[in-house]
Amino acid sequence: MPQLDTSTWLMTIASMFIALFILFQLKICNRTFSPNPSPEETKPVQHNNPWENKWTKIYLPLSLPLQ
């Protein structure tokens, strides 16, 4: 059974990584990003819910006493 020649694998893998790095650098270079994004002013929205002024408690099934 012939031996598999792996002497060129290192050069092939290294050149593939270099080519992918250059390709991704070129793709990222062509993108345009805004130079300085500024946050937008947001105003809080006031909702009038009927339960806001009341004391409420949610009873979960697991927090009920055992029967």
C-alpha atoms as a PDB file:
ATOM      1  CA  MET A   1       0.000   0.000   0.000  1.00  0.00           C
ATOM      2  CA  PRO A   2       1.584   3.318  -1.038  1.00  0.00           C
ATOM      3  CA  GLN A   3       2.396   5.966   1.551  1.00  0.00           C
ATOM      4  CA  LEU A   4       0.366   9.194   1.451  1.00  0.00           C
ATOM      5  CA  ASP A   5       2.620  12.143   0.594  1.00  0.00           C
ATOM      6  CA  THR A   6       1.858  14.946   3.074  1.00  0.00           C
ATOM      7  CA  SER A   7       4.884  17.128   2.369  1.00  0.00           C
ATOM      8  CA  THR A   8       2.869  19.757   0.447  1.00  0.00           C
ATOM      9  CA  TRP A   9      -0.006  19.999   2.932  1.00  0.00           C
ATOM     10  CA  LEU A  10       1.640  22.669   5.068  1.00  0.00           C
ATOM     11  CA  MET A  11       2.196  24.984   2.084  1.00  0.00           C
ATOM     12  CA  THR A  12      -1.346  24.357   0.804  1.00  0.00           C
ATOM     13  CA  ILE A  13      -2.993  25.100   4.161  1.00  0.00           C
ATOM     14  CA  ALA A  14      -0.777  28.136   4.788  1.00  0.00           C
ATOM     15  CA  SER A  15      -1.528  29.615   1.358  1.00  0.00           C
ATOM     16  CA  MET A  16      -5.249  28.954   1.880  1.00  0.00           C
ATOM     17  CA  PHE A  17      -5.220  30.894   5.181  1.00  0.00           C
ATOM     18  CA  ILE A  18      -3.297  33.775   3.598  1.00  0.00           C
ATOM     19  CA  ALA A  19      -5.725  33.911   0.671  1.00  0.00           C
ATOM     20  CA  LEU A  20      -8.756  33.842   2.983  1.00  0.00           C
ATOM     21  CA  PHE A  21      -7.247  36.579   5.153  1.00  0.00           C
ATOM     22  CA  ILE A  22      -6.628  38.810   2.124  1.00  0.00           C
ATOM     23  CA  LEU A  23     -10.106  38.081   0.765  1.00  0.00           C
ATOM     24  CA  PHE A  24     -11.828  39.007   4.045  1.00  0.00           C
ATOM     25  CA  GLN A  25      -9.686  42.139   4.391  1.00  0.00           C
ATOM     26  CA  LEU A  26     -10.760  43.265   0.925  1.00  0.00           C
ATOM     27  CA  LYS A  27     -14.396  42.557   1.709  1.00  0.00           C
ATOM     28  CA  ILE A  28     -14.241  44.527   4.973  1.00  0.00           C
ATOM     29  CA  CYS A  29     -12.382  47.437   3.313  1.00  0.00           C
ATOM     30  CA  ASN A  30     -15.254  48.051   0.895  1.00  0.00           C
ATOM     31  CA  ARG A  31     -17.838  48.509   3.656  1.00  0.00           C
ATOM     32  CA  THR A  32     -18.764  52.011   4.739  1.00  0.00           C
ATOM     33  CA  PHE A  33     -19.313  52.669   8.415  1.00  0.00           C
ATOM     34  CA  SER A  34     -20.734  55.816   9.921  1.00  0.00           C
ATOM     35  CA  PRO A  35     -17.854  57.802  11.454  1.00  0.00           C
ATOM     36  CA  ASN A  36     -19.471  58.729  14.742  1.00  0.00           C
ATOM     37  CA  PRO A  37     -22.914  57.339  15.545  1.00  0.00           C
ATOM     38  CA  SER A  38     -24.888  59.548  17.885  1.00  0.00           C
ATOM     39  CA  PRO A  39     -27.531  58.184  20.255  1.00  0.00           C
ATOM     40  CA  GLU A  40     -31.100  59.220  19.602  1.00  0.00           C
ATOM     41  CA  GLU A  41     -33.085  60.983  22.284  1.00  0.00           C
ATOM     42  CA  THR A  42     -35.887  58.758  23.514  1.00  0.00           C
ATOM     43  CA  LYS A  43     -38.700  59.958  25.697  1.00  0.00           C
ATOM     44  CA  PRO A  44     -40.223  57.587  28.258  1.00  0.00           C
ATOM     45  CA  VAL A  45     -43.775  56.557  27.473  1.00  0.00           C
ATOM     46  CA  GLN A  46     -46.238  56.772  30.342  1.00  0.00           C
ATOM     47  CA  HIS A  47     -48.910  54.059  30.323  1.00  0.00           C
ATOM     48  CA  ASN A  48     -52.006  54.394  32.432  1.00  0.00           C
ATOM     49  CA  ASN A  49     -52.619  50.917  33.726  1.00  0.00           C
ATOM     50  CA  PRO A  50     -55.362  50.260  36.271  1.00  0.00           C
ATOM     51  CA  TRP A  51     -53.043  48.162  38.455  1.00  0.00           C
ATOM     52  CA  GLU A  52     -50.244  50.714  38.790  1.00  0.00           C
ATOM     53  CA  ASN A  53     -51.570  52.219  42.028  1.00  0.00           C
ATOM     54  CA  LYS A  54     -52.697  48.940  43.542  1.00  0.00           C
ATOM     55  CA  TRP A  55     -50.731  46.350  45.418  1.00  0.00           C
ATOM     56  CA  THR A  56     -50.777  43.103  43.463  1.00  0.00           C
ATOM     57  CA  LYS A  57     -49.220  39.750  44.068  1.00  0.00           C
ATOM     58  CA  ILE A  58     -48.899  36.908  41.586  1.00  0.00           C
ATOM     59  CA  TYR A  59     -49.379  33.489  43.069  1.00  0.00           C
ATOM     60  CA  LEU A  60     -47.385  30.888  41.239  1.00  0.00           C
ATOM     61  CA  PRO A  61     -48.528  27.261  41.428  1.00  0.00           C
ATOM     62  CA  LEU A  62     -45.246  26.237  43.046  1.00  0.00           C
ATOM     63  CA  SER A  63     -45.453  28.909  45.746  1.00  0.00           C
ATOM     64  CA  LEU A  64     -48.850  27.793  47.044  1.00  0.00           C
ATOM     65  CA  PRO A  65     -48.880  25.799  50.292  1.00  0.00           C
ATOM     66  CA  LEU A  66     -48.936  22.050  50.008  1.00  0.00           C
ATOM     67  CA  GLN A  67     -52.321  20.386  50.352  1.00  0.00           C
END
